[in-house]
Amino acid sequence: MSNTRSVKANIRRHVWKILEERKVALPPRPIVGRIPNFIGANVAALKVTKLSVFEKSEVIKVDPDSPLRPFRELALKNGKILVMPTPRLRKGFLVLNPNRIPSYKIRFASTIRGAFNYGEIVKNPYNIPEIDLFVVGCVAVSIINGVRLGKGGGFSDLEYAILLEAGKISREVYTIVLAHDYQVLNYPIPFEVHDAPADLAITPSRILRIKERIKRPNGLYCNLLSKEHKELSIIKSLGKCV
């Protein structure tokens, strides 16, 4: 393991431990190996909906993780189209159009199971609508350089690269991380060339702008893809890493 990856792994372990010790973690458990759910996720989600960048957006890419479920519900209620990755991108992306979801089913549609019921599976990235805003979860995020740590599988960065290669986002797509205060770090996290940083971190108590955000990736780095990533049909659909 490279030193950068070792440091990232240590940060993840520390944050998972802190969240449990301070009793702010919520199910599903165990939180180790997950984007952890936390007390106040609904409060942080509501703060996002008050931002002008949210109000101006029409299509939002949002992660499928548990702490983002309240945000997905609020976004659908506000008429936003959601683009949600399926777990490990095995089935590509789900597109949820609130105009096609009965109002009394919005909350259910904001769950992973409900999203599969009411969303459209899109396996070709070129068929995804253009996206205005990213809302993502994390294990940890630095407010110094904007580097965000997920579970360690590299899927969030991969999703950014896929959508950039397909022309569905700009390189500077505004990215918001929802997290508990204990997940926000006041020191830089070491990064790799494929890391896609955030612009803003929102917690139940604070709105934090990134101080000196690192540069975003230029696209998909085929030589850095794992075997699992290379075998994904959505990667093959791009026609780049063949």
C-alpha atoms as a PDB file:
ATOM      1  CA  MET A   1       0.000   0.000   0.000  1.00  0.00           C
ATOM      2  CA  SER A   2       1.364   3.446  -0.924  1.00  0.00           C
ATOM      3  CA  ASN A   3       1.962   5.940   1.873  1.00  0.00           C
ATOM      4  CA  THR A   4      -0.940   8.099   0.657  1.00  0.00           C
ATOM      5  CA  ARG A   5      -3.334   5.155   0.735  1.00  0.00           C
ATOM      6  CA  SER A   6      -2.044   4.103   4.135  1.00  0.00           C
ATOM      7  CA  VAL A   7      -2.693   7.582   5.546  1.00  0.00           C
ATOM      8  CA  LYS A   8      -6.192   7.562   4.040  1.00  0.00           C
ATOM      9  CA  ALA A   9      -6.929   4.168   5.563  1.00  0.00           C
ATOM     10  CA  ASN A  10      -5.797   5.395   8.987  1.00  0.00           C
ATOM     11  CA  ILE A  11      -8.050   8.460   8.723  1.00  0.00           C
ATOM     12  CA  ARG A  12     -11.038   6.263   7.875  1.00  0.00           C
ATOM     13  CA  ARG A  13     -10.426   3.996  10.847  1.00  0.00           C
ATOM     14  CA  HIS A  14     -10.074   7.011  13.155  1.00  0.00           C
ATOM     15  CA  VAL A  15     -13.298   8.651  11.972  1.00  0.00           C
ATOM     16  CA  TRP A  16     -15.363   5.450  12.178  1.00  0.00           C
ATOM     17  CA  LYS A  17     -14.050   4.967  15.737  1.00  0.00           C
ATOM     18  CA  ILE A  18     -14.849   8.565  16.786  1.00  0.00           C
ATOM     19  CA  LEU A  19     -18.386   8.420  15.408  1.00  0.00           C
ATOM     20  CA  GLU A  20     -19.127   5.273  17.392  1.00  0.00           C
ATOM     21  CA  GLU A  21     -17.400   6.421  20.580  1.00  0.00           C
ATOM     22  CA  ARG A  22     -19.265   9.734  20.602  1.00  0.00           C
ATOM     23  CA  LYS A  23     -22.563   7.989  19.835  1.00  0.00           C
ATOM     24  CA  VAL A  24     -23.492  10.034  16.772  1.00  0.00           C
ATOM     25  CA  ALA A  25     -23.534   7.118  14.314  1.00  0.00           C
ATOM     26  CA  LEU A  26     -26.853   5.671  13.185  1.00  0.00           C
ATOM     27  CA  PRO A  27     -27.781   2.357  11.485  1.00  0.00           C
ATOM     28  CA  PRO A  28     -27.026   0.609   9.227  1.00  0.00           C
ATOM     29  CA  ARG A  29     -24.255  -1.049  11.188  1.00  0.00           C
ATOM     30  CA  PRO A  30     -21.453  -1.839  11.320  1.00  0.00           C
ATOM     31  CA  ILE A  31     -20.431   1.630  10.108  1.00  0.00           C
ATOM     32  CA  VAL A  32     -16.912   0.383   9.341  1.00  0.00           C
ATOM     33  CA  GLY A  33     -16.708  -0.112   5.597  1.00  0.00           C
ATOM     34  CA  ARG A  34     -19.644   2.243   4.953  1.00  0.00           C
ATOM     35  CA  ILE A  35     -20.367   5.892   4.353  1.00  0.00           C
ATOM     36  CA  PRO A  36     -21.678   6.299   7.903  1.00  0.00           C
ATOM     37  CA  ASN A  37     -25.157   7.502   8.701  1.00  0.00           C
ATOM     38  CA  PHE A  38     -25.243  10.086  11.474  1.00  0.00           C
ATOM     39  CA  ILE A  39     -27.465  12.099  13.804  1.00  0.00           C
ATOM     40  CA  GLY A  40     -28.472  15.349  12.111  1.00  0.00           C
ATOM     41  CA  ALA A  41     -28.176  14.166   8.499  1.00  0.00           C
ATOM     42  CA  ASN A  42     -31.695  15.517   7.906  1.00  0.00           C
ATOM     43  CA  VAL A  43     -30.668  18.942   9.293  1.00  0.00           C
ATOM     44  CA  ALA A  44     -27.625  19.092   7.002  1.00  0.00           C
ATOM     45  CA  ALA A  45     -29.809  18.064   4.048  1.00  0.00           C
ATOM     46  CA  LEU A  46     -32.247  20.908   4.704  1.00  0.00           C
ATOM     47  CA  LYS A  47     -29.365  23.397   4.691  1.00  0.00           C
ATOM     48  CA  VAL A  48     -28.416  22.327   1.177  1.00  0.00           C
ATOM     49  CA  THR A  49     -31.904  23.144  -0.094  1.00  0.00           C
ATOM     50  CA  LYS A  50     -31.502  26.752   1.095  1.00  0.00           C
ATOM     51  CA  LEU A  51     -28.434  27.362  -1.078  1.00  0.00           C
ATOM     52  CA  SER A  52     -28.739  29.267  -4.362  1.00  0.00           C
ATOM     53  CA  VAL A  53     -26.702  26.569  -6.142  1.00  0.00           C
ATOM     54  CA  PHE A  54     -29.427  24.067  -5.183  1.00  0.00           C
ATOM     55  CA  GLU A  55     -32.268  26.371  -6.158  1.00  0.00           C
ATOM     56  CA  LYS A  56     -30.730  26.965  -9.607  1.00  0.00           C
ATOM     57  CA  SER A  57     -30.025  23.292 -10.260  1.00  0.00           C
ATOM     58  CA  GLU A  58     -32.283  21.043 -12.315  1.00  0.00           C
ATOM     59  CA  VAL A  59     -30.381  17.737 -12.258  1.00  0.00           C
ATOM     60  CA  ILE A  60     -28.375  16.579  -9.235  1.00  0.00           C
ATOM     61  CA  LYS A  61     -26.027  13.627  -8.963  1.00  0.00           C
ATOM     62  CA  VAL A  62     -26.428  12.244  -5.452  1.00  0.00           C
ATOM     63  CA  ASP A  63     -24.875   9.191  -3.838  1.00  0.00           C
ATOM     64  CA  PRO A  64     -27.030   6.216  -2.703  1.00  0.00           C
ATOM     65  CA  ASP A  65     -25.662   6.170   0.848  1.00  0.00           C
ATOM     66  CA  SER A  66     -27.894   6.165   3.958  1.00  0.00           C
ATOM     67  CA  PRO A  67     -26.995   9.661   5.296  1.00  0.00           C
ATOM     68  CA  LEU A  68     -28.082  11.170   1.973  1.00  0.00           C
ATOM     69  CA  ARG A  69     -31.576   9.651   1.995  1.00  0.00           C
ATOM     70  CA  PRO A  70     -33.144  12.758   3.628  1.00  0.00           C
ATOM     71  CA  PHE A  71     -31.511  14.935   0.995  1.00  0.00           C
ATOM     72  CA  ARG A  72     -32.769  12.734  -1.838  1.00  0.00           C
ATOM     73  CA  GLU A  73     -36.305  13.039  -0.460  1.00  0.00           C
ATOM     74  CA  LEU A  74     -36.073  16.832  -0.153  1.00  0.00           C
ATOM     75  CA  ALA A  75     -34.577  17.178  -3.628  1.00  0.00           C
ATOM     76  CA  LEU A  76     -37.367  15.136  -5.215  1.00  0.00           C
ATOM     77  CA  LYS A  77     -39.970  17.172  -3.315  1.00  0.00           C
ATOM     78  CA  ASN A  78     -38.326  20.302  -4.723  1.00  0.00           C
ATOM     79  CA  GLY A  79     -38.737  18.973  -8.266  1.00  0.00           C
ATOM     80  CA  LYS A  80     -35.100  18.032  -8.897  1.00  0.00           C
ATOM     81  CA  ILE A  81     -34.179  15.180 -11.214  1.00  0.00           C
ATOM     82  CA  LEU A  82     -31.715  12.874  -9.453  1.00  0.00           C
ATOM     83  CA  VAL A  83     -28.921  10.831 -10.986  1.00  0.00           C
ATOM     84  CA  MET A  84     -27.926   8.128  -8.511  1.00  0.00           C
ATOM     85  CA  PRO A  85     -25.184   5.527  -8.967  1.00  0.00           C
ATOM     86  CA  THR A  86     -26.263   1.955  -8.437  1.00  0.00           C
ATOM     87  CA  PRO A  87     -24.200   0.040  -5.832  1.00  0.00           C
ATOM     88  CA  ARG A  88     -20.649  -0.391  -7.162  1.00  0.00           C
ATOM     89  CA  LEU A  89     -21.962   0.883 -10.533  1.00  0.00           C
ATOM     90  CA  ARG A  90     -22.890  -2.669 -11.506  1.00  0.00           C
ATOM     91  CA  LYS A  91     -26.106  -1.515 -13.171  1.00  0.00           C
ATOM     92  CA  GLY A  92     -24.901   1.945 -14.129  1.00  0.00           C
ATOM     93  CA  PHE A  93     -26.957   4.888 -12.884  1.00  0.00           C
ATOM     94  CA  LEU A  94     -30.557   5.433 -11.843  1.00  0.00           C
ATOM     95  CA  VAL A  95     -32.387   8.547 -13.045  1.00  0.00           C
ATOM     96  CA  LEU A  96     -35.309   9.612 -10.858  1.00  0.00           C
ATOM     97  CA  ASN A  97     -37.746  12.142 -12.292  1.00  0.00           C
ATOM     98  CA  PRO A  98     -40.090  13.468  -9.581  1.00  0.00           C
ATOM     99  CA  ASN A  99     -42.765  14.120 -12.211  1.00  0.00           C
ATOM    100  CA  ARG A 100     -43.039  10.355 -12.656  1.00  0.00           C
ATOM    101  CA  ILE A 101     -43.253   9.510  -8.960  1.00  0.00           C
ATOM    102  CA  PRO A 102     -46.554   9.739  -7.012  1.00  0.00           C
ATOM    103  CA  SER A 103     -46.181  12.346  -4.255  1.00  0.00           C
ATOM    104  CA  TYR A 104     -47.021   9.792  -1.573  1.00  0.00           C
ATOM    105  CA  LYS A 105     -44.176   7.567  -2.822  1.00  0.00           C
ATOM    106  CA  ILE A 106     -41.435  10.227  -2.765  1.00  0.00           C
ATOM    107  CA  ARG A 107     -40.019   9.071   0.560  1.00  0.00           C
ATOM    108  CA  PHE A 108     -39.907   5.460  -0.604  1.00  0.00           C
ATOM    109  CA  ALA A 109     -38.322   6.523  -3.900  1.00  0.00           C
ATOM    110  CA  SER A 110     -35.526   8.200  -1.900  1.00  0.00           C
ATOM    111  CA  THR A 111     -34.414   4.793  -0.564  1.00  0.00           C
ATOM    112  CA  ILE A 112     -32.218   2.475  -2.605  1.00  0.00           C
ATOM    113  CA  ARG A 113     -35.009  -0.067  -3.001  1.00  0.00           C
ATOM    114  CA  GLY A 114     -37.493   2.636  -3.954  1.00  0.00           C
ATOM    115  CA  ALA A 115     -35.079   4.205  -6.418  1.00  0.00           C
ATOM    116  CA  PHE A 116     -34.907   0.911  -8.292  1.00  0.00           C
ATOM    117  CA  ASN A 117     -38.722   0.829  -8.337  1.00  0.00           C
ATOM    118  CA  TYR A 118     -39.258   4.387  -9.557  1.00  0.00           C
ATOM    119  CA  GLY A 119     -35.994   5.244 -11.301  1.00  0.00           C
ATOM    120  CA  GLU A 120     -34.849   4.459 -14.826  1.00  0.00           C
ATOM    121  CA  ILE A 121     -31.696   2.350 -15.081  1.00  0.00           C
ATOM    122  CA  VAL A 122     -29.224   3.963 -17.488  1.00  0.00           C
ATOM    123  CA  LYS A 123     -26.264   1.793 -18.446  1.00  0.00           C
ATOM    124  CA  ASN A 124     -24.877   4.072 -21.143  1.00  0.00           C
ATOM    125  CA  PRO A 125     -23.406   7.275 -19.662  1.00  0.00           C
ATOM    126  CA  TYR A 126     -24.153   9.207 -22.859  1.00  0.00           C
ATOM    127  CA  ASN A 127     -27.884   8.803 -22.105  1.00  0.00           C
ATOM    128  CA  ILE A 128     -27.670  10.488 -18.692  1.00  0.00           C
ATOM    129  CA  PRO A 129     -29.050  14.059 -18.493  1.00  0.00           C
ATOM    130  CA  GLU A 130     -26.586  16.900 -17.980  1.00  0.00           C
ATOM    131  CA  ILE A 131     -25.893  17.447 -14.288  1.00  0.00           C
ATOM    132  CA  ASP A 132     -25.725  20.811 -12.473  1.00  0.00           C
ATOM    133  CA  LEU A 133     -24.705  19.777  -8.968  1.00  0.00           C
ATOM    134  CA  PHE A 134     -23.006  16.951  -7.046  1.00  0.00           C
ATOM    135  CA  VAL A 135     -24.095  16.039  -3.513  1.00  0.00           C
ATOM    136  CA  VAL A 136     -21.967  13.328  -1.958  1.00  0.00           C
ATOM    137  CA  GLY A 137     -21.395  11.567   1.336  1.00  0.00           C
ATOM    138  CA  CYS A 138     -18.041  10.746   2.878  1.00  0.00           C
ATOM    139  CA  VAL A 139     -16.148   9.035   5.630  1.00  0.00           C
ATOM    140  CA  ALA A 140     -14.017  12.172   6.011  1.00  0.00           C
ATOM    141  CA  VAL A 141     -13.450  15.466   4.199  1.00  0.00           C
ATOM    142  CA  SER A 142     -10.754  18.121   4.558  1.00  0.00           C
ATOM    143  CA  ILE A 143     -11.867  21.748   4.630  1.00  0.00           C
ATOM    144  CA  ILE A 144      -8.299  22.734   3.779  1.00  0.00           C
ATOM    145  CA  ASN A 145      -7.938  21.079   0.356  1.00  0.00           C
ATOM    146  CA  GLY A 146     -11.400  19.590  -0.241  1.00  0.00           C
ATOM    147  CA  VAL A 147     -10.200  15.993  -0.503  1.00  0.00           C
ATOM    148  CA  ARG A 148     -12.984  13.594   0.369  1.00  0.00           C
ATOM    149  CA  LEU A 149     -12.558  10.027   1.568  1.00  0.00           C
ATOM    150  CA  GLY A 150     -15.164   7.429   0.752  1.00  0.00           C
ATOM    151  CA  LYS A 151     -15.105   3.768   1.718  1.00  0.00           C
ATOM    152  CA  GLY A 152     -11.950   3.150  -0.259  1.00  0.00           C
ATOM    153  CA  GLY A 153     -13.372   1.579  -3.413  1.00  0.00           C
ATOM    154  CA  GLY A 154     -12.816   4.664  -5.570  1.00  0.00           C
ATOM    155  CA  PHE A 155     -16.351   4.714  -6.935  1.00  0.00           C
ATOM    156  CA  SER A 156     -17.233   8.349  -6.244  1.00  0.00           C
ATOM    157  CA  ASP A 157     -14.133   9.531  -8.116  1.00  0.00           C
ATOM    158  CA  LEU A 158     -14.893   7.026 -10.858  1.00  0.00           C
ATOM    159  CA  GLU A 159     -18.446   8.386 -11.203  1.00  0.00           C
ATOM    160  CA  TYR A 160     -17.053  11.906 -11.590  1.00  0.00           C
ATOM    161  CA  ALA A 161     -14.629  10.712 -14.282  1.00  0.00           C
ATOM    162  CA  ILE A 162     -17.311   8.780 -16.189  1.00  0.00           C
ATOM    163  CA  LEU A 163     -19.704  11.722 -16.235  1.00  0.00           C
ATOM    164  CA  LEU A 164     -16.923  14.107 -17.252  1.00  0.00           C
ATOM    165  CA  GLU A 165     -15.815  11.828 -20.108  1.00  0.00           C
ATOM    166  CA  ALA A 166     -19.447  11.520 -21.258  1.00  0.00           C
ATOM    167  CA  GLY A 167     -19.841  15.316 -21.288  1.00  0.00           C
ATOM    168  CA  LYS A 168     -22.560  15.252 -18.610  1.00  0.00           C
ATOM    169  CA  ILE A 169     -20.741  17.536 -16.171  1.00  0.00           C
ATOM    170  CA  SER A 170     -18.230  20.331 -16.381  1.00  0.00           C
ATOM    171  CA  ARG A 171     -14.873  19.762 -14.723  1.00  0.00           C
ATOM    172  CA  GLU A 172     -15.846  22.414 -12.165  1.00  0.00           C
ATOM    173  CA  VAL A 173     -19.264  20.962 -11.281  1.00  0.00           C
ATOM    174  CA  TYR A 174     -20.122  22.319  -7.838  1.00  0.00           C
ATOM    175  CA  THR A 175     -19.714  19.581  -5.243  1.00  0.00           C
ATOM    176  CA  ILE A 176     -21.201  19.535  -1.754  1.00  0.00           C
ATOM    177  CA  VAL A 177     -20.290  16.987   0.919  1.00  0.00           C
ATOM    178  CA  LEU A 178     -22.785  16.180   3.682  1.00  0.00           C
ATOM    179  CA  ALA A 179     -21.068  15.023   6.870  1.00  0.00           C
ATOM    180  CA  HIS A 180     -21.116  15.106  10.633  1.00  0.00           C
ATOM    181  CA  ASP A 181     -18.803  17.652  12.278  1.00  0.00           C
ATOM    182  CA  TYR A 182     -16.595  14.796  13.473  1.00  0.00           C
ATOM    183  CA  GLN A 183     -15.999  13.811   9.839  1.00  0.00           C
ATOM    184  CA  VAL A 184     -14.663  17.247   8.895  1.00  0.00           C
ATOM    185  CA  LEU A 185     -10.888  17.582   9.190  1.00  0.00           C
ATOM    186  CA  ASN A 186      -9.035  20.861   9.643  1.00  0.00           C
ATOM    187  CA  TYR A 187      -5.890  19.576   7.934  1.00  0.00           C
ATOM    188  CA  PRO A 188      -5.157  18.505   4.346  1.00  0.00           C
ATOM    189  CA  ILE A 189      -5.765  14.911   3.326  1.00  0.00           C
ATOM    190  CA  PRO A 190      -3.110  13.533   0.949  1.00  0.00           C
ATOM    191  CA  PHE A 191      -4.483  12.983  -2.535  1.00  0.00           C
ATOM    192  CA  GLU A 192      -3.983  11.090  -5.750  1.00  0.00           C
ATOM    193  CA  VAL A 193      -4.449  12.289  -9.311  1.00  0.00           C
ATOM    194  CA  HIS A 194      -7.946  10.755  -9.608  1.00  0.00           C
ATOM    195  CA  ASP A 195      -9.333  12.364  -6.418  1.00  0.00           C
ATOM    196  CA  ALA A 196     -12.268  14.696  -7.127  1.00  0.00           C
ATOM    197  CA  PRO A 197     -12.440  17.308  -4.329  1.00  0.00           C
ATOM    198  CA  ALA A 198     -15.428  19.127  -2.854  1.00  0.00           C
ATOM    199  CA  ASP A 199     -16.258  22.840  -2.822  1.00  0.00           C
ATOM    200  CA  LEU A 200     -18.373  22.895   0.308  1.00  0.00           C
ATOM    201  CA  ALA A 201     -18.939  20.767   3.414  1.00  0.00           C
ATOM    202  CA  ILE A 202     -22.263  20.961   5.224  1.00  0.00           C
ATOM    203  CA  THR A 203     -22.775  19.520   8.688  1.00  0.00           C
ATOM    204  CA  PRO A 204     -25.753  19.712  11.046  1.00  0.00           C
ATOM    205  CA  SER A 205     -24.193  22.814  12.623  1.00  0.00           C
ATOM    206  CA  ARG A 206     -22.000  24.457   9.984  1.00  0.00           C
ATOM    207  CA  ILE A 207     -21.549  25.448   6.340  1.00  0.00           C
ATOM    208  CA  LEU A 208     -17.847  25.227   5.532  1.00  0.00           C
ATOM    209  CA  ARG A 209     -16.194  26.472   2.360  1.00  0.00           C
ATOM    210  CA  ILE A 210     -13.038  24.709   1.234  1.00  0.00           C
ATOM    211  CA  LYS A 211     -10.016  26.965   1.662  1.00  0.00           C
ATOM    212  CA  GLU A 212      -7.646  25.838  -1.103  1.00  0.00           C
ATOM    213  CA  ARG A 213      -9.320  23.147  -3.150  1.00  0.00           C
ATOM    214  CA  ILE A 214      -7.013  20.922  -5.177  1.00  0.00           C
ATOM    215  CA  LYS A 215      -7.439  20.696  -8.955  1.00  0.00           C
ATOM    216  CA  ARG A 216      -9.981  18.283 -10.317  1.00  0.00           C
ATOM    217  CA  PRO A 217      -9.024  15.271 -12.479  1.00  0.00           C
ATOM    218  CA  ASN A 218      -8.983  15.774 -16.236  1.00  0.00           C
ATOM    219  CA  GLY A 219     -11.035  12.659 -16.851  1.00  0.00           C
ATOM    220  CA  LEU A 220     -10.693   8.904 -16.666  1.00  0.00           C
ATOM    221  CA  TYR A 221      -7.236   7.497 -15.988  1.00  0.00           C
ATOM    222  CA  CYS A 222      -7.483   4.077 -17.606  1.00  0.00           C
ATOM    223  CA  ASN A 223      -4.095   2.932 -16.326  1.00  0.00           C
ATOM    224  CA  LEU A 224      -5.268   3.431 -12.723  1.00  0.00           C
ATOM    225  CA  LEU A 225      -8.494   1.443 -12.982  1.00  0.00           C
ATOM    226  CA  SER A 226      -8.839  -1.709 -10.936  1.00  0.00           C
ATOM    227  CA  LYS A 227      -9.840  -4.974 -12.593  1.00  0.00           C
ATOM    228  CA  GLU A 228     -13.349  -4.554 -11.117  1.00  0.00           C
ATOM    229  CA  HIS A 229     -13.660  -1.069 -12.608  1.00  0.00           C
ATOM    230  CA  LYS A 230     -12.445  -2.157 -16.034  1.00  0.00           C
ATOM    231  CA  GLU A 231     -15.085  -4.898 -16.163  1.00  0.00           C
ATOM    232  CA  LEU A 232     -17.992  -2.510 -15.565  1.00  0.00           C
ATOM    233  CA  SER A 233     -20.301  -2.220 -18.561  1.00  0.00           C
ATOM    234  CA  ILE A 234     -20.621   1.527 -18.052  1.00  0.00           C
ATOM    235  CA  ILE A 235     -16.836   1.887 -18.405  1.00  0.00           C
ATOM    236  CA  LYS A 236     -16.906  -0.221 -21.555  1.00  0.00           C
ATOM    237  CA  SER A 237     -19.711   1.976 -22.919  1.00  0.00           C
ATOM    238  CA  LEU A 238     -17.374   4.984 -22.855  1.00  0.00           C
ATOM    239  CA  GLY A 239     -15.173   3.247 -25.392  1.00  0.00           C
ATOM    240  CA  LYS A 240     -12.011   4.797 -23.941  1.00  0.00           C
ATOM    241  CA  CYS A 241     -10.329   2.119 -21.847  1.00  0.00           C
ATOM    242  CA  VAL A 242     -10.306  -0.685 -24.412  1.00  0.00           C
END
